């Protein structure tokens, strides 16, 4: 049976959940990707200046992209080539990781399943439950009000 993992990722962190021997193992990878710079109010533009050219913002964006590439590479390096992966996350970092893993698989000639779904942030127990559902190892449930077996 192939190993399966789940990765929840955004620009701040990645959470890797592995299901092995009927037990979940959760690893976190913190990111050093700088935050996006956001405008803090109304910006006046001189109508005589042509917009679209970039200066300092482009330099910051390139620097951020370098950090993002290293972060995605570090997360990908923690996943074995024979490990099927479900990647969750809210934005484009998830898509960067998918592309990187598929590129590495083509380069190595390996064949693994790399699935991706958009997802809001989730707690560790929610991520474990999602992975268990993905691998088909859902916990047994009992109806409400029914006594627990073995007289407990």
Foldseek 3Di string as FASTA:
>chain_A
DFWEWEWEDDQAKIWIWTQDPNDIDIDIDGFPQDDQDDDDDDDDDDPVDDPDDDDPNVVSVVVNVVRLVVSLVVVLVVDDLRYAYEYEYADCSSVVNLVVNVVVCVVVVGDHHYHYDYDDDDDPVVNVQVVCVVVVNHDDDDDPPDDDPPRD
